[in-house]
Every structure is written in C-alpha cells, then in structure tokens.
Amino acid sequence: ARLGLARTLHFAGLLGPALQSLAPFFTTPEI
C-alpha cells in the first residue's frame, strides 16, 4: 500500500508528498 501510494502521488505530479510517503522505508541505515 505504501509503495502504491508513492507511485500514485508520483504519477499525479505530487513529488514532495510521494517522497514523504516513502520516508518510513529510510528512517535508519538498518531499516
């Protein structure tokens, strides 16, 4: 669902929100 939301926002041209939706995947080096 998170990947789908990021892709949707990307295709809609909402690039800042699209990156923000991916942020939980990159919170720490381990994650």
PDB file of all heavy atoms in Angstrom:
ATOM      1  N   ALA A   1       0.831  -1.207   0.000  1.00  0.00           N
ATOM      2  CA  ALA A   1       0.000   0.000   0.000  1.00  0.00           C
ATOM      3  C   ALA A   1       0.869   1.263   0.000  1.00  0.00           C
ATOM      4  O   ALA A   1       0.559   2.244  -0.682  1.00  0.00           O
ATOM      5  CB  ALA A   1      -0.929  -0.003   1.209  1.00  0.00           C
ATOM      6  N   ARG A   2       1.960   1.230   0.773  1.00  0.00           N
ATOM      7  CA  ARG A   2       2.836   2.404   0.826  1.00  0.00           C
ATOM      8  C   ARG A   2       3.504   2.649  -0.527  1.00  0.00           C
ATOM      9  O   ARG A   2       3.605   3.787  -1.003  1.00  0.00           O
ATOM     10  CB  ARG A   2       3.889   2.229   1.924  1.00  0.00           C
ATOM     11  CG  ARG A   2       4.731   3.473   2.144  1.00  0.00           C
ATOM     12  CD  ARG A   2       5.480   3.410   3.466  1.00  0.00           C
ATOM     13  NE  ARG A   2       4.569   3.385   4.602  1.00  0.00           N
ATOM     14  CZ  ARG A   2       3.895   4.423   5.071  1.00  0.00           C
ATOM     15  NH1 ARG A   2       4.029   5.610   4.490  1.00  0.00           N
ATOM     16  NH2 ARG A   2       3.105   4.292   6.111  1.00  0.00           N
ATOM     17  N   LEU A   3       3.961   1.581  -1.150  1.00  0.00           N
ATOM     18  CA  LEU A   3       4.561   1.726  -2.481  1.00  0.00           C
ATOM     19  C   LEU A   3       3.525   2.197  -3.495  1.00  0.00           C
ATOM     20  O   LEU A   3       3.811   3.031  -4.361  1.00  0.00           O
ATOM     21  CB  LEU A   3       5.167   0.390  -2.927  1.00  0.00           C
ATOM     22  CG  LEU A   3       6.425  -0.059  -2.179  1.00  0.00           C
ATOM     23  CD1 LEU A   3       6.776  -1.497  -2.563  1.00  0.00           C
ATOM     24  CD2 LEU A   3       7.596   0.870  -2.506  1.00  0.00           C
ATOM     25  N   GLY A   4       2.317   1.674  -3.384  1.00  0.00           N
ATOM     26  CA  GLY A   4       1.257   2.090  -4.300  1.00  0.00           C
ATOM     27  C   GLY A   4       0.910   3.557  -4.133  1.00  0.00           C
ATOM     28  O   GLY A   4       0.682   4.270  -5.121  1.00  0.00           O
ATOM     29  N   LEU A   5       0.877   4.037  -2.896  1.00  0.00           N
ATOM     30  CA  LEU A   5       0.586   5.454  -2.652  1.00  0.00           C
ATOM     31  C   LEU A   5       1.697   6.329  -3.229  1.00  0.00           C
ATOM     32  O   LEU A   5       1.423   7.352  -3.868  1.00  0.00           O
ATOM     33  CB  LEU A   5       0.437   5.703  -1.152  1.00  0.00           C
ATOM     34  CG  LEU A   5       0.185   7.162  -0.756  1.00  0.00           C
ATOM     35  CD1 LEU A   5      -1.100   7.686  -1.391  1.00  0.00           C
ATOM     36  CD2 LEU A   5       0.134   7.302   0.768  1.00  0.00           C
ATOM     37  N   ALA A   6       2.964   5.935  -3.011  1.00  0.00           N
ATOM     38  CA  ALA A   6       4.082   6.715  -3.541  1.00  0.00           C
ATOM     39  C   ALA A   6       4.016   6.781  -5.069  1.00  0.00           C
ATOM     40  O   ALA A   6       4.210   7.846  -5.672  1.00  0.00           O
ATOM     41  CB  ALA A   6       5.408   6.093  -3.098  1.00  0.00           C
ATOM     42  N   ARG A   7       3.725   5.657  -5.685  1.00  0.00           N
ATOM     43  CA  ARG A   7       3.651   5.626  -7.151  1.00  0.00           C
ATOM     44  C   ARG A   7       2.492   6.494  -7.650  1.00  0.00           C
ATOM     45  O   ARG A   7       2.618   7.212  -8.643  1.00  0.00           O
ATOM     46  CB  ARG A   7       3.500   4.182  -7.607  1.00  0.00           C
ATOM     47  CG  ARG A   7       3.770   3.952  -9.083  1.00  0.00           C
ATOM     48  CD  ARG A   7       3.911   2.482  -9.398  1.00  0.00           C
ATOM     49  NE  ARG A   7       5.119   1.934  -8.819  1.00  0.00           N
ATOM     50  CZ  ARG A   7       5.149   0.964  -7.911  1.00  0.00           C
ATOM     51  NH1 ARG A   7       4.024   0.444  -7.457  1.00  0.00           N
ATOM     52  NH2 ARG A   7       6.294   0.511  -7.447  1.00  0.00           N
ATOM     53  N   THR A   8       1.381   6.440  -6.951  1.00  0.00           N
ATOM     54  CA  THR A   8       0.219   7.240  -7.348  1.00  0.00           C
ATOM     55  C   THR A   8       0.526   8.732  -7.270  1.00  0.00           C
ATOM     56  O   THR A   8       0.237   9.501  -8.194  1.00  0.00           O
ATOM     57  CB  THR A   8      -0.985   6.911  -6.443  1.00  0.00           C
ATOM     58  OG1 THR A   8      -1.304   5.529  -6.581  1.00  0.00           O
ATOM     59  CG2 THR A   8      -2.193   7.753  -6.825  1.00  0.00           C
ATOM     60  N   LEU A   9       1.120   9.154  -6.150  1.00  0.00           N
ATOM     61  CA  LEU A   9       1.461  10.568  -5.980  1.00  0.00           C
ATOM     62  C   LEU A   9       2.500  11.009  -7.014  1.00  0.00           C
ATOM     63  O   LEU A   9       2.438  12.117  -7.541  1.00  0.00           O
ATOM     64  CB  LEU A   9       1.979  10.803  -4.566  1.00  0.00           C
ATOM     65  CG  LEU A   9       0.956  10.575  -3.447  1.00  0.00           C
ATOM     66  CD1 LEU A   9       1.636  10.621  -2.085  1.00  0.00           C
ATOM     67  CD2 LEU A   9      -0.169  11.602  -3.520  1.00  0.00           C
ATOM     68  N   HIS A  10       3.438  10.118  -7.322  1.00  0.00           N
ATOM     69  CA  HIS A  10       4.441  10.391  -8.344  1.00  0.00           C
ATOM     70  C   HIS A  10       3.765  10.645  -9.684  1.00  0.00           C
ATOM     71  O   HIS A  10       4.017  11.652 -10.347  1.00  0.00           O
ATOM     72  CB  HIS A  10       5.403   9.203  -8.419  1.00  0.00           C
ATOM     73  CG  HIS A  10       6.394   9.263  -9.534  1.00  0.00           C
ATOM     74  ND1 HIS A  10       7.205   8.193  -9.862  1.00  0.00           N
ATOM     75  CD2 HIS A  10       6.704  10.238 -10.426  1.00  0.00           C
ATOM     76  CE1 HIS A  10       7.972   8.521 -10.876  1.00  0.00           C
ATOM     77  NE2 HIS A  10       7.684   9.751 -11.238  1.00  0.00           N
ATOM     78  N   PHE A  11       2.898   9.727 -10.102  1.00  0.00           N
ATOM     79  CA  PHE A  11       2.234   9.857 -11.398  1.00  0.00           C
ATOM     80  C   PHE A  11       1.346  11.101 -11.445  1.00  0.00           C
ATOM     81  O   PHE A  11       1.154  11.695 -12.506  1.00  0.00           O
ATOM     82  CB  PHE A  11       1.394   8.623 -11.702  1.00  0.00           C
ATOM     83  CG  PHE A  11       2.199   7.366 -11.921  1.00  0.00           C
ATOM     84  CD1 PHE A  11       1.572   6.130 -12.003  1.00  0.00           C
ATOM     85  CD2 PHE A  11       3.574   7.408 -12.025  1.00  0.00           C
ATOM     86  CE1 PHE A  11       2.301   4.976 -12.202  1.00  0.00           C
ATOM     87  CE2 PHE A  11       4.321   6.253 -12.217  1.00  0.00           C
ATOM     88  CZ  PHE A  11       3.681   5.024 -12.302  1.00  0.00           C
ATOM     89  N   ALA A  12       0.823  11.493 -10.300  1.00  0.00           N
ATOM     90  CA  ALA A  12      -0.036  12.674 -10.236  1.00  0.00           C
ATOM     91  C   ALA A  12       0.777  13.969 -10.203  1.00  0.00           C
ATOM     92  O   ALA A  12       0.203  15.060 -10.202  1.00  0.00           O
ATOM     93  CB  ALA A  12      -0.946  12.605  -9.022  1.00  0.00           C
ATOM     94  N   GLY A  13       2.104  13.846 -10.157  1.00  0.00           N
ATOM     95  CA  GLY A  13       2.956  15.032 -10.135  1.00  0.00           C
ATOM     96  C   GLY A  13       3.179  15.619  -8.767  1.00  0.00           C
ATOM     97  O   GLY A  13       3.771  16.698  -8.641  1.00  0.00           O
ATOM     98  N   LEU A  14       2.755  14.929  -7.718  1.00  0.00           N
ATOM     99  CA  LEU A  14       2.937  15.403  -6.344  1.00  0.00           C
ATOM    100  C   LEU A  14       4.220  14.786  -5.793  1.00  0.00           C
ATOM    101  O   LEU A  14       4.207  13.855  -4.976  1.00  0.00           O
ATOM    102  CB  LEU A  14       1.720  15.031  -5.486  1.00  0.00           C
ATOM    103  CG  LEU A  14       0.382  15.570  -6.014  1.00  0.00           C
ATOM    104  CD1 LEU A  14      -0.779  14.986  -5.212  1.00  0.00           C
ATOM    105  CD2 LEU A  14       0.369  17.095  -5.955  1.00  0.00           C
ATOM    106  N   LEU A  15       5.351  15.307  -6.232  1.00  0.00           N
ATOM    107  CA  LEU A  15       6.623  14.634  -5.999  1.00  0.00           C
ATOM    108  C   LEU A  15       7.092  14.737  -4.548  1.00  0.00           C
ATOM    109  O   LEU A  15       7.648  13.771  -4.009  1.00  0.00           O
ATOM    110  CB  LEU A  15       7.677  15.214  -6.950  1.00  0.00           C
ATOM    111  CG  LEU A  15       7.298  15.124  -8.435  1.00  0.00           C
ATOM    112  CD1 LEU A  15       8.413  15.732  -9.302  1.00  0.00           C
ATOM    113  CD2 LEU A  15       7.027  13.690  -8.865  1.00  0.00           C
ATOM    114  N   GLY A  16       6.889  15.894  -3.918  1.00  0.00           N
ATOM    115  CA  GLY A  16       7.261  16.007  -2.500  1.00  0.00           C
ATOM    116  C   GLY A  16       6.495  15.021  -1.633  1.00  0.00           C
ATOM    117  O   GLY A  16       7.102  14.243  -0.872  1.00  0.00           O
ATOM    118  N   PRO A  17       5.156  15.006  -1.708  1.00  0.00           N
ATOM    119  CA  PRO A  17       4.394  14.019  -0.948  1.00  0.00           C
ATOM    120  C   PRO A  17       4.752  12.581  -1.316  1.00  0.00           C
ATOM    121  O   PRO A  17       4.705  11.682  -0.456  1.00  0.00           O
ATOM    122  CB  PRO A  17       2.938  14.343  -1.309  1.00  0.00           C
ATOM    123  CG  PRO A  17       2.966  15.800  -1.642  1.00  0.00           C
ATOM    124  CD  PRO A  17       4.282  16.023  -2.322  1.00  0.00           C
ATOM    125  N   ALA A  18       5.090  12.340  -2.572  1.00  0.00           N
ATOM    126  CA  ALA A  18       5.459  10.988  -2.980  1.00  0.00           C
ATOM    127  C   ALA A  18       6.707  10.523  -2.239  1.00  0.00           C
ATOM    128  O   ALA A  18       6.763   9.401  -1.709  1.00  0.00           O
ATOM    129  CB  ALA A  18       5.683  10.934  -4.490  1.00  0.00           C
ATOM    130  N   LEU A  19       7.728  11.393  -2.170  1.00  0.00           N
ATOM    131  CA  LEU A  19       8.935  11.032  -1.427  1.00  0.00           C
ATOM    132  C   LEU A  19       8.646  10.878   0.063  1.00  0.00           C
ATOM    133  O   LEU A  19       9.173   9.979   0.731  1.00  0.00           O
ATOM    134  CB  LEU A  19      10.011  12.099  -1.634  1.00  0.00           C
ATOM    135  CG  LEU A  19      10.927  11.954  -2.845  1.00  0.00           C
ATOM    136  CD1 LEU A  19      11.911  13.102  -2.893  1.00  0.00           C
ATOM    137  CD2 LEU A  19      11.678  10.623  -2.810  1.00  0.00           C
ATOM    138  N   GLN A  20       7.774  11.767   0.590  1.00  0.00           N
ATOM    139  CA  GLN A  20       7.452  11.701   2.010  1.00  0.00           C
ATOM    140  C   GLN A  20       6.766  10.382   2.348  1.00  0.00           C
ATOM    141  O   GLN A  20       6.986   9.810   3.425  1.00  0.00           O
ATOM    142  CB  GLN A  20       6.546  12.874   2.390  1.00  0.00           C
ATOM    143  CG  GLN A  20       6.274  12.980   3.883  1.00  0.00           C
ATOM    144  CD  GLN A  20       7.543  13.145   4.708  1.00  0.00           C
ATOM    145  OE1 GLN A  20       8.481  13.825   4.292  1.00  0.00           O
ATOM    146  NE2 GLN A  20       7.586  12.510   5.876  1.00  0.00           N
ATOM    147  N   SER A  21       5.965   9.877   1.427  1.00  0.00           N
ATOM    148  CA  SER A  21       5.269   8.616   1.694  1.00  0.00           C
ATOM    149  C   SER A  21       6.240   7.444   1.770  1.00  0.00           C
ATOM    150  O   SER A  21       5.937   6.412   2.380  1.00  0.00           O
ATOM    151  CB  SER A  21       4.219   8.348   0.611  1.00  0.00           C
ATOM    152  OG  SER A  21       4.829   8.062  -0.627  1.00  0.00           O
ATOM    153  N   LEU A  22       7.428   7.597   1.148  1.00  0.00           N
ATOM    154  CA  LEU A  22       8.441   6.539   1.211  1.00  0.00           C
ATOM    155  C   LEU A  22       9.346   6.676   2.424  1.00  0.00           C
ATOM    156  O   LEU A  22      10.146   5.767   2.707  1.00  0.00           O
ATOM    157  CB  LEU A  22       9.302   6.565  -0.055  1.00  0.00           C
ATOM    158  CG  LEU A  22       8.625   6.190  -1.376  1.00  0.00           C
ATOM    159  CD1 LEU A  22       9.589   6.415  -2.528  1.00  0.00           C
ATOM    160  CD2 LEU A  22       8.157   4.747  -1.359  1.00  0.00           C
ATOM    161  N   ALA A  23       9.264   7.784   3.148  1.00  0.00           N
ATOM    162  CA  ALA A  23      10.191   8.066   4.239  1.00  0.00           C
ATOM    163  C   ALA A  23      10.295   6.943   5.275  1.00  0.00           C
ATOM    164  O   ALA A  23      11.408   6.660   5.766  1.00  0.00           O
ATOM    165  CB  ALA A  23       9.821   9.384   4.918  1.00  0.00           C
ATOM    166  N   PRO A  24       9.194   6.261   5.639  1.00  0.00           N
ATOM    167  CA  PRO A  24       9.324   5.188   6.637  1.00  0.00           C
ATOM    168  C   PRO A  24      10.268   4.062   6.226  1.00  0.00           C
ATOM    169  O   PRO A  24      10.762   3.323   7.085  1.00  0.00           O
ATOM    170  CB  PRO A  24       7.885   4.674   6.780  1.00  0.00           C
ATOM    171  CG  PRO A  24       7.039   5.856   6.456  1.00  0.00           C
ATOM    172  CD  PRO A  24       7.773   6.547   5.353  1.00  0.00           C
ATOM    173  N   PHE A  25      10.536   3.929   4.915  1.00  0.00           N
ATOM    174  CA  PHE A  25      11.471   2.896   4.470  1.00  0.00           C
ATOM    175  C   PHE A  25      12.928   3.285   4.718  1.00  0.00           C
ATOM    176  O   PHE A  25      13.818   2.447   4.620  1.00  0.00           O
ATOM    177  CB  PHE A  25      11.304   2.628   2.960  1.00  0.00           C
ATOM    178  CG  PHE A  25      10.033   1.937   2.586  1.00  0.00           C
ATOM    179  CD1 PHE A  25       9.164   2.509   1.665  1.00  0.00           C
ATOM    180  CD2 PHE A  25       9.693   0.704   3.129  1.00  0.00           C
ATOM    181  CE1 PHE A  25       7.997   1.872   1.299  1.00  0.00           C
ATOM    182  CE2 PHE A  25       8.521   0.054   2.769  1.00  0.00           C
ATOM    183  CZ  PHE A  25       7.665   0.639   1.850  1.00  0.00           C
ATOM    184  N   PHE A  26      13.166   4.579   5.024  1.00  0.00           N
ATOM    185  CA  PHE A  26      14.547   5.058   5.075  1.00  0.00           C
ATOM    186  C   PHE A  26      14.851   5.829   6.365  1.00  0.00           C
ATOM    187  O   PHE A  26      15.665   6.753   6.365  1.00  0.00           O
ATOM    188  CB  PHE A  26      14.823   5.967   3.865  1.00  0.00           C
ATOM    189  CG  PHE A  26      14.548   5.313   2.542  1.00  0.00           C
ATOM    190  CD1 PHE A  26      13.451   5.686   1.777  1.00  0.00           C
ATOM    191  CD2 PHE A  26      15.372   4.306   2.063  1.00  0.00           C
ATOM    192  CE1 PHE A  26      13.186   5.075   0.556  1.00  0.00           C
ATOM    193  CE2 PHE A  26      15.123   3.689   0.850  1.00  0.00           C
ATOM    194  CZ  PHE A  26      14.028   4.072   0.094  1.00  0.00           C
ATOM    195  N   THR A  27      14.232   5.458   7.457  1.00  0.00           N
ATOM    196  CA  THR A  27      14.411   6.211   8.705  1.00  0.00           C
ATOM    197  C   THR A  27      15.777   5.978   9.342  1.00  0.00           C
ATOM    198  O   THR A  27      16.342   6.883   9.971  1.00  0.00           O
ATOM    199  CB  THR A  27      13.315   5.837   9.712  1.00  0.00           C
ATOM    200  OG1 THR A  27      13.293   4.413   9.863  1.00  0.00           O
ATOM    201  CG2 THR A  27      11.960   6.325   9.232  1.00  0.00           C
ATOM    202  N   THR A  28      16.342   4.784   9.225  1.00  0.00           N
ATOM    203  CA  THR A  28      17.663   4.466   9.778  1.00  0.00           C
ATOM    204  C   THR A  28      18.410   3.608   8.759  1.00  0.00           C
ATOM    205  O   THR A  28      17.799   3.007   7.869  1.00  0.00           O
ATOM    206  CB  THR A  28      17.555   3.654  11.084  1.00  0.00           C
ATOM    207  OG1 THR A  28      17.008   2.355  10.798  1.00  0.00           O
ATOM    208  CG2 THR A  28      16.670   4.372  12.106  1.00  0.00           C
ATOM    209  N   PRO A  29      19.753   3.539   8.877  1.00  0.00           N
ATOM    210  CA  PRO A  29      20.506   2.686   7.952  1.00  0.00           C
ATOM    211  C   PRO A  29      20.048   1.232   7.981  1.00  0.00           C
ATOM    212  O   PRO A  29      20.008   0.569   6.945  1.00  0.00           O
ATOM    213  CB  PRO A  29      21.952   2.831   8.443  1.00  0.00           C
ATOM    214  CG  PRO A  29      21.991   4.175   9.094  1.00  0.00           C
ATOM    215  CD  PRO A  29      20.641   4.347   9.729  1.00  0.00           C
ATOM    216  N   GLU A  30      19.681   0.743   9.161  1.00  0.00           N
ATOM    217  CA  GLU A  30      19.258  -0.653   9.271  1.00  0.00           C
ATOM    218  C   GLU A  30      17.931  -0.876   8.545  1.00  0.00           C
ATOM    219  O   GLU A  30      17.759  -1.865   7.819  1.00  0.00           O
ATOM    220  CB  GLU A  30      19.115  -1.055  10.745  1.00  0.00           C
ATOM    221  CG  GLU A  30      20.416  -1.082  11.530  1.00  0.00           C
ATOM    222  CD  GLU A  30      20.918   0.323  11.905  1.00  0.00           C
ATOM    223  OE1 GLU A  30      20.132   1.296  11.775  1.00  0.00           O
ATOM    224  OE2 GLU A  30      22.082   0.433  12.317  1.00  0.00           O
ATOM    225  N   ILE A  31      16.992   0.051   8.736  1.00  0.00           N
ATOM    226  CA  ILE A  31      15.699  -0.079   8.061  1.00  0.00           C
ATOM    227  C   ILE A  31      15.860   0.106   6.554  1.00  0.00           C
ATOM    228  O   ILE A  31      15.260  -0.619   5.754  1.00  0.00           O
ATOM    229  CB  ILE A  31      14.691   0.935   8.628  1.00  0.00           C
ATOM    230  CG1 ILE A  31      14.337   0.554  10.074  1.00  0.00           C
ATOM    231  CG2 ILE A  31      13.439   1.008   7.779  1.00  0.00           C
ATOM    232  CD1 ILE A  31      13.447   1.554  10.773  1.00  0.00           C
TER     233      ILE A  31
END
